[in-house]
Amino acid sequence: MMMNLDQYSRQILTEHDAVNMLYCNPEIDISKLTLDNVEKFNRACNLMHIDLQLSTSTTLDCTPEVYHKQNQSKWHMPTEYEQFDIAEWCLQQCTTEAQLQRVGKELLLYQERDMMPLLCFLRYFVETMRVNNIVWGVGRGSSVASYVLYLIGVHKIDSMYFDLDIEEFLR
């Protein structure tokens, strides 16, 4: 399936892609999909005697920048993780003064960038993978410079041991 995106980076599907999605998963809610030609899809449904009609995709009344800013604040995770005090948890994982200093510094940097919800989501994500025995990588790129991400379990590289500067990650 070739991916086409609109100005808001929403995926635009052909009617063929949408029908294939329905065949693969009849329970899928395709009403939220953005199709390139809704009329063509609706005609195809009529021809196949499928009782389904989609409306034209919604035009948004904001700029792409505003749309993305709004979506960046939406993290789909259980309430217990949204309300979780990730800073306190990270600090509790520390066993030395050096670790406390490093974690405190990193948490301030994350907070300055409004990234605390991201840390909560990553904790949820890592725990979900662990519970479901899903394997993920040991660490990659600049993220390994974050000791907080190491504590959460996003990667397995101890940035303090290797003397990696958090600034490498947060540039």
N, C-alpha and C. Protein backbone atom coordinates (compact mmCIF):
# COMPACT_ATOMS: atom_id res chain seq x y z
N MET A 1 0.85 -1.16 0.00
CA MET A 1 0.00 0.00 0.00
C MET A 1 0.90 1.23 0.00
N MET A 2 0.74 2.09 -0.99
CA MET A 2 1.50 3.32 -1.06
C MET A 2 0.87 4.34 -0.11
N MET A 3 1.71 5.03 0.65
CA MET A 3 1.17 5.94 1.64
C MET A 3 1.16 7.36 1.10
N ASN A 4 -0.03 7.93 1.02
CA ASN A 4 -0.19 9.34 0.69
C ASN A 4 -0.63 10.06 1.94
N LEU A 5 -0.11 11.26 2.12
CA LEU A 5 -0.44 12.04 3.30
C LEU A 5 -1.02 13.38 2.90
N ASP A 6 -1.96 13.89 3.70
CA ASP A 6 -2.45 15.24 3.43
C ASP A 6 -1.55 16.24 4.16
N GLN A 7 -1.89 17.51 4.10
CA GLN A 7 -1.05 18.54 4.70
C GLN A 7 -0.92 18.41 6.22
N TYR A 8 -1.81 17.64 6.84
CA TYR A 8 -1.78 17.42 8.28
C TYR A 8 -1.09 16.10 8.63
N SER A 9 -0.52 15.44 7.64
CA SER A 9 0.14 14.15 7.79
C SER A 9 -0.83 13.03 8.12
N ARG A 10 -2.10 13.24 7.79
CA ARG A 10 -3.08 12.16 7.94
C ARG A 10 -2.96 11.27 6.71
N GLN A 11 -3.00 9.97 6.92
CA GLN A 11 -2.87 9.02 5.82
C GLN A 11 -4.13 9.06 4.95
N ILE A 12 -3.93 9.15 3.66
CA ILE A 12 -5.03 9.14 2.71
C ILE A 12 -5.00 7.79 1.98
N LEU A 13 -6.12 7.07 2.05
CA LEU A 13 -6.21 5.75 1.45
C LEU A 13 -7.05 5.78 0.19
N THR A 14 -6.77 4.85 -0.70
CA THR A 14 -7.65 4.65 -1.84
C THR A 14 -8.83 3.79 -1.38
N GLU A 15 -9.88 3.76 -2.19
CA GLU A 15 -11.02 2.92 -1.82
C GLU A 15 -10.60 1.45 -1.81
N HIS A 16 -9.66 1.09 -2.66
CA HIS A 16 -9.15 -0.28 -2.71
C HIS A 16 -8.47 -0.64 -1.38
N ASP A 17 -7.65 0.28 -0.87
CA ASP A 17 -6.99 0.06 0.42
C ASP A 17 -8.01 -0.11 1.54
N ALA A 18 -9.06 0.73 1.52
CA ALA A 18 -10.08 0.66 2.56
C ALA A 18 -10.84 -0.66 2.51
N VAL A 19 -11.18 -1.11 1.30
CA VAL A 19 -11.88 -2.39 1.15
C VAL A 19 -10.99 -3.53 1.63
N ASN A 20 -9.72 -3.50 1.27
CA ASN A 20 -8.79 -4.53 1.74
C ASN A 20 -8.69 -4.54 3.27
N MET A 21 -8.70 -3.36 3.86
CA MET A 21 -8.66 -3.29 5.32
C MET A 21 -9.90 -3.95 5.92
N LEU A 22 -11.04 -3.73 5.30
CA LEU A 22 -12.29 -4.35 5.77
C LEU A 22 -12.25 -5.87 5.62
N TYR A 23 -11.70 -6.36 4.51
CA TYR A 23 -11.60 -7.81 4.32
C TYR A 23 -10.68 -8.42 5.37
N CYS A 24 -9.60 -7.75 5.69
CA CYS A 24 -8.64 -8.27 6.68
C CYS A 24 -9.18 -8.18 8.10
N ASN A 25 -9.95 -7.13 8.36
CA ASN A 25 -10.47 -6.93 9.71
C ASN A 25 -11.86 -6.31 9.61
N PRO A 26 -12.89 -7.13 9.55
CA PRO A 26 -14.26 -6.61 9.40
C PRO A 26 -14.71 -5.73 10.55
N GLU A 27 -14.02 -5.78 11.68
CA GLU A 27 -14.40 -4.99 12.86
C GLU A 27 -13.82 -3.58 12.83
N ILE A 28 -12.96 -3.29 11.87
CA ILE A 28 -12.28 -1.99 11.85
C ILE A 28 -13.28 -0.86 11.63
N ASP A 29 -13.07 0.24 12.33
CA ASP A 29 -13.92 1.42 12.18
C ASP A 29 -13.31 2.30 11.10
N ILE A 30 -13.77 2.13 9.88
CA ILE A 30 -13.17 2.89 8.79
C ILE A 30 -13.74 4.30 8.69
N SER A 31 -14.72 4.63 9.51
CA SER A 31 -15.30 5.97 9.45
C SER A 31 -14.28 7.05 9.80
N LYS A 32 -13.22 6.67 10.47
CA LYS A 32 -12.19 7.64 10.86
C LYS A 32 -11.07 7.75 9.83
N LEU A 33 -11.14 6.95 8.78
CA LEU A 33 -10.11 6.99 7.75
C LEU A 33 -10.33 8.15 6.80
N THR A 34 -9.26 8.61 6.21
CA THR A 34 -9.33 9.65 5.20
C THR A 34 -9.11 8.99 3.85
N LEU A 35 -10.12 9.07 2.99
CA LEU A 35 -10.04 8.44 1.67
C LEU A 35 -9.83 9.50 0.59
N ASP A 36 -9.14 9.09 -0.46
CA ASP A 36 -8.88 10.04 -1.55
C ASP A 36 -10.14 10.32 -2.37
N ASN A 37 -11.08 9.35 -2.41
CA ASN A 37 -12.28 9.52 -3.20
C ASN A 37 -13.44 8.80 -2.51
N VAL A 38 -14.11 9.51 -1.63
CA VAL A 38 -15.19 8.92 -0.83
C VAL A 38 -16.33 8.44 -1.73
N GLU A 39 -16.63 9.22 -2.76
CA GLU A 39 -17.73 8.84 -3.66
C GLU A 39 -17.46 7.50 -4.32
N LYS A 40 -16.24 7.29 -4.76
CA LYS A 40 -15.88 6.03 -5.41
C LYS A 40 -16.02 4.86 -4.42
N PHE A 41 -15.58 5.08 -3.17
CA PHE A 41 -15.73 4.04 -2.15
C PHE A 41 -17.21 3.74 -1.92
N ASN A 42 -18.03 4.78 -1.78
CA ASN A 42 -19.46 4.58 -1.53
C ASN A 42 -20.13 3.86 -2.69
N ARG A 43 -19.74 4.19 -3.92
CA ARG A 43 -20.29 3.47 -5.09
C ARG A 43 -19.89 1.99 -5.04
N ALA A 44 -18.63 1.72 -4.68
CA ALA A 44 -18.17 0.33 -4.60
C ALA A 44 -18.96 -0.43 -3.54
N CYS A 45 -19.24 0.21 -2.42
CA CYS A 45 -20.04 -0.44 -1.37
C CYS A 45 -21.45 -0.74 -1.87
N ASN A 46 -22.03 0.20 -2.59
CA ASN A 46 -23.37 -0.03 -3.15
C ASN A 46 -23.36 -1.22 -4.11
N LEU A 47 -22.34 -1.29 -4.96
CA LEU A 47 -22.27 -2.39 -5.94
C LEU A 47 -22.11 -3.74 -5.25
N MET A 48 -21.42 -3.75 -4.12
CA MET A 48 -21.21 -5.01 -3.39
C MET A 48 -22.29 -5.24 -2.34
N HIS A 49 -23.32 -4.40 -2.33
CA HIS A 49 -24.43 -4.51 -1.38
C HIS A 49 -23.95 -4.46 0.07
N ILE A 50 -23.00 -3.60 0.30
CA ILE A 50 -22.51 -3.37 1.66
C ILE A 50 -23.19 -2.12 2.18
N ASP A 51 -23.83 -2.25 3.33
CA ASP A 51 -24.56 -1.13 3.92
C ASP A 51 -23.59 -0.21 4.67
N LEU A 52 -22.81 0.54 3.90
CA LEU A 52 -21.83 1.42 4.49
C LEU A 52 -21.61 2.60 3.57
N GLN A 53 -21.75 3.77 4.10
CA GLN A 53 -21.50 4.99 3.34
C GLN A 53 -20.64 5.91 4.20
N LEU A 54 -19.58 6.43 3.62
CA LEU A 54 -18.70 7.34 4.34
C LEU A 54 -18.95 8.76 3.89
N SER A 55 -18.72 9.68 4.80
CA SER A 55 -18.82 11.09 4.42
C SER A 55 -17.44 11.60 4.06
N THR A 56 -17.42 12.74 3.41
CA THR A 56 -16.15 13.34 3.02
C THR A 56 -15.34 13.63 4.26
N SER A 57 -14.03 13.46 4.16
CA SER A 57 -13.17 13.69 5.32
C SER A 57 -13.29 15.13 5.79
N THR A 58 -13.14 15.29 7.05
CA THR A 58 -13.31 16.60 7.64
C THR A 58 -12.15 17.53 7.29
N THR A 59 -12.51 18.72 6.96
CA THR A 59 -11.52 19.76 6.74
C THR A 59 -11.28 20.40 8.10
N LEU A 60 -10.05 20.52 8.46
CA LEU A 60 -9.72 21.07 9.77
C LEU A 60 -9.68 22.59 9.71
N ASP A 61 -10.10 23.21 10.80
CA ASP A 61 -10.14 24.67 10.84
C ASP A 61 -8.93 25.26 11.58
N CYS A 62 -7.80 24.61 11.40
CA CYS A 62 -6.57 25.11 12.00
C CYS A 62 -5.40 24.81 11.07
N THR A 63 -4.30 25.43 11.35
CA THR A 63 -3.12 25.19 10.52
C THR A 63 -2.51 23.84 10.87
N PRO A 64 -1.72 23.26 9.99
CA PRO A 64 -1.04 22.00 10.33
C PRO A 64 -0.19 22.13 11.60
N GLU A 65 0.44 23.27 11.81
CA GLU A 65 1.26 23.46 13.02
C GLU A 65 0.42 23.37 14.28
N VAL A 66 -0.75 24.02 14.28
CA VAL A 66 -1.65 23.98 15.45
C VAL A 66 -2.17 22.56 15.64
N TYR A 67 -2.54 21.90 14.55
CA TYR A 67 -3.04 20.52 14.61
C TYR A 67 -2.01 19.60 15.26
N HIS A 68 -0.75 19.71 14.82
CA HIS A 68 0.29 18.85 15.39
C HIS A 68 0.56 19.18 16.85
N LYS A 69 0.53 20.43 17.20
CA LYS A 69 0.74 20.83 18.61
C LYS A 69 -0.36 20.24 19.49
N GLN A 70 -1.61 20.28 19.00
CA GLN A 70 -2.73 19.71 19.75
C GLN A 70 -2.56 18.20 19.93
N ASN A 71 -2.13 17.52 18.87
CA ASN A 71 -1.97 16.07 18.94
C ASN A 71 -0.78 15.65 19.79
N GLN A 72 0.22 16.49 19.90
CA GLN A 72 1.39 16.15 20.70
C GLN A 72 1.06 16.04 22.18
N SER A 73 -0.05 16.64 22.60
CA SER A 73 -0.42 16.57 24.01
C SER A 73 -1.33 15.38 24.30
N LYS A 74 -1.67 14.59 23.29
CA LYS A 74 -2.55 13.43 23.48
C LYS A 74 -1.71 12.16 23.53
N TRP A 75 -1.68 11.54 24.66
CA TRP A 75 -0.96 10.28 24.81
C TRP A 75 -1.99 9.22 25.15
N HIS A 76 -2.10 8.20 24.33
CA HIS A 76 -3.10 7.16 24.53
C HIS A 76 -2.52 6.09 25.46
N MET A 77 -2.81 6.28 26.74
CA MET A 77 -2.34 5.35 27.75
C MET A 77 -3.34 5.35 28.90
N PRO A 78 -3.32 4.31 29.71
CA PRO A 78 -4.24 4.26 30.85
C PRO A 78 -4.02 5.44 31.81
N THR A 79 -5.09 5.83 32.47
CA THR A 79 -5.06 6.98 33.39
C THR A 79 -3.98 6.83 34.44
N GLU A 80 -3.75 5.61 34.93
CA GLU A 80 -2.75 5.43 35.99
C GLU A 80 -1.36 5.84 35.53
N TYR A 81 -1.09 5.70 34.25
CA TYR A 81 0.21 6.13 33.71
C TYR A 81 0.22 7.63 33.43
N GLU A 82 -0.92 8.18 33.00
CA GLU A 82 -1.01 9.62 32.78
C GLU A 82 -0.77 10.38 34.07
N GLN A 83 -1.26 9.83 35.18
CA GLN A 83 -1.17 10.51 36.47
C GLN A 83 0.05 10.06 37.29
N PHE A 84 0.84 9.20 36.73
CA PHE A 84 2.00 8.65 37.42
C PHE A 84 3.06 9.72 37.65
N ASP A 85 3.65 9.75 38.84
CA ASP A 85 4.72 10.71 39.14
C ASP A 85 6.04 10.08 38.70
N ILE A 86 6.35 10.29 37.43
CA ILE A 86 7.54 9.68 36.83
C ILE A 86 8.81 10.23 37.45
N ALA A 87 8.81 11.50 37.83
CA ALA A 87 10.01 12.10 38.43
C ALA A 87 10.34 11.41 39.76
N GLU A 88 9.34 11.26 40.60
CA GLU A 88 9.56 10.59 41.89
C GLU A 88 10.04 9.15 41.68
N TRP A 89 9.42 8.45 40.74
CA TRP A 89 9.79 7.07 40.47
C TRP A 89 11.25 6.97 40.01
N CYS A 90 11.64 7.85 39.10
CA CYS A 90 13.02 7.83 38.59
C CYS A 90 14.01 8.09 39.73
N LEU A 91 13.69 9.07 40.56
CA LEU A 91 14.58 9.39 41.68
C LEU A 91 14.69 8.21 42.66
N GLN A 92 13.60 7.47 42.84
CA GLN A 92 13.62 6.31 43.74
C GLN A 92 14.48 5.17 43.20
N GLN A 93 14.73 5.16 41.90
CA GLN A 93 15.55 4.10 41.30
C GLN A 93 17.03 4.33 41.55
N CYS A 94 17.38 5.52 41.98
CA CYS A 94 18.79 5.88 42.18
C CYS A 94 19.32 5.31 43.49
N THR A 95 20.56 4.84 43.43
CA THR A 95 21.19 4.27 44.63
C THR A 95 22.42 5.05 45.07
N THR A 96 22.87 6.00 44.23
CA THR A 96 24.06 6.79 44.59
C THR A 96 23.75 8.27 44.41
N GLU A 97 24.57 9.09 45.04
CA GLU A 97 24.42 10.54 44.91
C GLU A 97 24.65 10.98 43.46
N ALA A 98 25.59 10.35 42.78
CA ALA A 98 25.87 10.69 41.38
C ALA A 98 24.64 10.41 40.51
N GLN A 99 23.99 9.29 40.76
CA GLN A 99 22.78 8.96 40.01
C GLN A 99 21.67 9.99 40.29
N LEU A 100 21.50 10.35 41.56
CA LEU A 100 20.49 11.35 41.91
C LEU A 100 20.76 12.67 41.20
N GLN A 101 22.02 13.09 41.17
CA GLN A 101 22.38 14.34 40.50
C GLN A 101 22.07 14.26 39.01
N ARG A 102 22.44 13.17 38.39
CA ARG A 102 22.22 13.01 36.94
C ARG A 102 20.73 12.97 36.62
N VAL A 103 19.98 12.19 37.39
CA VAL A 103 18.55 12.07 37.13
C VAL A 103 17.86 13.41 37.38
N GLY A 104 18.25 14.10 38.44
CA GLY A 104 17.67 15.42 38.71
C GLY A 104 17.91 16.38 37.57
N LYS A 105 19.13 16.40 37.06
CA LYS A 105 19.48 17.27 35.92
C LYS A 105 18.65 16.91 34.69
N GLU A 106 18.57 15.62 34.39
CA GLU A 106 17.82 15.19 33.21
C GLU A 106 16.34 15.51 33.35
N LEU A 107 15.77 15.26 34.52
CA LEU A 107 14.35 15.52 34.72
C LEU A 107 14.03 17.00 34.52
N LEU A 108 14.91 17.88 34.99
CA LEU A 108 14.70 19.31 34.76
C LEU A 108 14.71 19.63 33.26
N LEU A 109 15.61 19.01 32.53
CA LEU A 109 15.68 19.23 31.08
C LEU A 109 14.42 18.71 30.39
N TYR A 110 13.95 17.53 30.81
CA TYR A 110 12.71 16.99 30.24
C TYR A 110 11.53 17.91 30.56
N GLN A 111 11.49 18.39 31.80
CA GLN A 111 10.38 19.26 32.23
C GLN A 111 10.39 20.58 31.45
N GLU A 112 11.57 21.16 31.25
CA GLU A 112 11.68 22.40 30.48
C GLU A 112 11.13 22.25 29.07
N ARG A 113 11.21 21.05 28.53
CA ARG A 113 10.76 20.78 27.16
C ARG A 113 9.36 20.17 27.12
N ASP A 114 8.66 20.18 28.25
CA ASP A 114 7.31 19.59 28.35
C ASP A 114 7.28 18.14 27.91
N MET A 115 8.30 17.38 28.29
CA MET A 115 8.41 15.98 27.87
C MET A 115 8.07 14.98 28.98
N MET A 116 7.54 15.45 30.10
CA MET A 116 7.21 14.52 31.18
C MET A 116 6.11 13.53 30.76
N PRO A 117 5.07 13.96 30.02
CA PRO A 117 4.08 12.98 29.55
C PRO A 117 4.72 11.91 28.66
N LEU A 118 5.72 12.28 27.89
CA LEU A 118 6.43 11.30 27.05
C LEU A 118 7.09 10.24 27.94
N LEU A 119 7.71 10.67 29.03
CA LEU A 119 8.35 9.70 29.93
C LEU A 119 7.31 8.75 30.53
N CYS A 120 6.15 9.29 30.91
CA CYS A 120 5.08 8.43 31.44
C CYS A 120 4.64 7.42 30.37
N PHE A 121 4.49 7.91 29.15
CA PHE A 121 4.09 7.00 28.07
C PHE A 121 5.15 5.94 27.83
N LEU A 122 6.42 6.31 27.85
CA LEU A 122 7.48 5.33 27.62
C LEU A 122 7.50 4.27 28.71
N ARG A 123 7.22 4.67 29.95
CA ARG A 123 7.14 3.67 31.03
C ARG A 123 5.99 2.70 30.77
N TYR A 124 4.85 3.24 30.36
CA TYR A 124 3.70 2.40 30.00
C TYR A 124 4.06 1.46 28.84
N PHE A 125 4.69 2.01 27.83
CA PHE A 125 5.05 1.24 26.64
C PHE A 125 6.02 0.11 26.98
N VAL A 126 7.05 0.41 27.76
CA VAL A 126 8.04 -0.60 28.14
C VAL A 126 7.39 -1.69 29.00
N GLU A 127 6.56 -1.29 29.95
CA GLU A 127 5.89 -2.29 30.79
C GLU A 127 4.94 -3.16 29.97
N THR A 128 4.27 -2.58 28.99
CA THR A 128 3.38 -3.35 28.11
C THR A 128 4.18 -4.37 27.31
N MET A 129 5.33 -3.94 26.81
CA MET A 129 6.17 -4.88 26.06
C MET A 129 6.67 -6.00 26.96
N ARG A 130 7.08 -5.67 28.18
CA ARG A 130 7.56 -6.70 29.11
C ARG A 130 6.47 -7.72 29.42
N VAL A 131 5.28 -7.23 29.75
CA VAL A 131 4.17 -8.12 30.10
C VAL A 131 3.82 -9.05 28.95
N ASN A 132 3.95 -8.55 27.72
CA ASN A 132 3.59 -9.34 26.55
C ASN A 132 4.78 -10.03 25.89
N ASN A 133 5.91 -10.06 26.60
CA ASN A 133 7.13 -10.73 26.11
C ASN A 133 7.53 -10.27 24.72
N ILE A 134 7.46 -8.97 24.51
CA ILE A 134 7.88 -8.38 23.23
C ILE A 134 9.32 -7.91 23.38
N VAL A 135 10.14 -8.30 22.45
CA VAL A 135 11.56 -7.95 22.47
C VAL A 135 11.76 -6.60 21.79
N TRP A 136 12.58 -5.75 22.40
CA TRP A 136 12.94 -4.49 21.76
C TRP A 136 14.44 -4.32 21.84
N GLY A 137 14.97 -3.37 21.11
CA GLY A 137 16.41 -3.20 20.98
C GLY A 137 17.10 -2.79 22.26
N VAL A 138 18.42 -2.94 22.27
CA VAL A 138 19.21 -2.59 23.46
C VAL A 138 19.45 -1.10 23.56
N GLY A 139 19.32 -0.38 22.49
CA GLY A 139 19.53 1.07 22.50
C GLY A 139 20.11 1.51 21.19
N ARG A 140 19.75 2.70 20.81
CA ARG A 140 20.18 3.17 19.50
C ARG A 140 20.18 4.68 19.47
N GLY A 141 21.14 5.23 18.76
CA GLY A 141 21.18 6.66 18.53
C GLY A 141 21.41 7.46 19.80
N SER A 142 20.99 8.70 19.75
CA SER A 142 21.26 9.63 20.84
C SER A 142 20.45 9.34 22.10
N SER A 143 19.40 8.53 22.01
CA SER A 143 18.59 8.24 23.20
C SER A 143 19.40 7.55 24.29
N VAL A 144 20.48 6.86 23.90
CA VAL A 144 21.28 6.16 24.92
C VAL A 144 22.04 7.14 25.81
N ALA A 145 22.04 8.42 25.48
CA ALA A 145 22.69 9.42 26.33
C ALA A 145 21.82 9.76 27.54
N SER A 146 20.59 9.30 27.56
CA SER A 146 19.69 9.60 28.68
C SER A 146 19.69 8.49 29.71
N TYR A 147 20.11 8.84 30.92
CA TYR A 147 20.09 7.89 32.02
C TYR A 147 18.66 7.61 32.46
N VAL A 148 17.77 8.60 32.36
CA VAL A 148 16.36 8.41 32.71
C VAL A 148 15.73 7.35 31.81
N LEU A 149 16.03 7.41 30.51
CA LEU A 149 15.49 6.39 29.60
C LEU A 149 16.05 5.01 29.93
N TYR A 150 17.28 4.97 30.40
CA TYR A 150 17.89 3.71 30.84
C TYR A 150 17.13 3.17 32.06
N LEU A 151 16.82 4.04 33.02
CA LEU A 151 16.08 3.60 34.21
C LEU A 151 14.69 3.09 33.84
N ILE A 152 14.03 3.77 32.91
CA ILE A 152 12.69 3.37 32.48
C ILE A 152 12.74 2.04 31.74
N GLY A 153 13.85 1.77 31.08
CA GLY A 153 14.00 0.51 30.35
C GLY A 153 13.88 0.66 28.85
N VAL A 154 13.88 1.89 28.37
CA VAL A 154 13.78 2.13 26.93
C VAL A 154 14.99 1.52 26.23
N HIS A 155 16.15 1.62 26.87
CA HIS A 155 17.37 1.02 26.32
C HIS A 155 18.19 0.42 27.46
N LYS A 156 19.23 -0.30 27.12
CA LYS A 156 20.04 -1.01 28.12
C LYS A 156 21.46 -0.46 28.21
N ILE A 157 21.65 0.80 27.79
CA ILE A 157 22.97 1.42 27.81
C ILE A 157 23.05 2.36 29.01
N ASP A 158 23.92 2.05 29.95
CA ASP A 158 24.10 2.89 31.14
C ASP A 158 24.93 4.11 30.73
N SER A 159 24.27 5.23 30.51
CA SER A 159 24.95 6.43 30.02
C SER A 159 25.92 7.01 31.04
N MET A 160 25.69 6.72 32.30
CA MET A 160 26.64 7.20 33.32
C MET A 160 27.93 6.39 33.25
N TYR A 161 27.81 5.09 33.08
CA TYR A 161 28.98 4.23 32.99
C TYR A 161 29.86 4.63 31.80
N PHE A 162 29.20 4.95 30.68
CA PHE A 162 29.94 5.31 29.47
C PHE A 162 30.19 6.82 29.35
N ASP A 163 29.81 7.56 30.40
CA ASP A 163 30.03 9.01 30.47
C ASP A 163 29.45 9.73 29.25
N LEU A 164 28.19 9.41 28.92
CA LEU A 164 27.51 10.04 27.80
C LEU A 164 26.76 11.28 28.29
N ASP A 165 26.90 12.36 27.59
CA ASP A 165 26.30 13.63 27.98
C ASP A 165 24.84 13.69 27.51
N ILE A 166 23.93 14.04 28.43
CA ILE A 166 22.50 14.14 28.10
C ILE A 166 22.26 15.13 26.97
N GLU A 167 23.11 16.11 26.84
CA GLU A 167 22.94 17.12 25.78
C GLU A 167 22.98 16.48 24.38
N GLU A 168 23.62 15.33 24.25
CA GLU A 168 23.64 14.64 22.97
C GLU A 168 22.24 14.20 22.55
N PHE A 169 21.41 13.89 23.54
CA PHE A 169 20.06 13.44 23.25
C PHE A 169 19.12 14.62 23.05
N LEU A 170 19.24 15.64 23.86
CA LEU A 170 18.26 16.72 23.87
C LEU A 170 18.63 17.92 23.00
N ARG A 171 19.55 17.77 22.08
CA ARG A 171 19.90 18.91 21.20
C ARG A 171 18.74 19.33 20.37
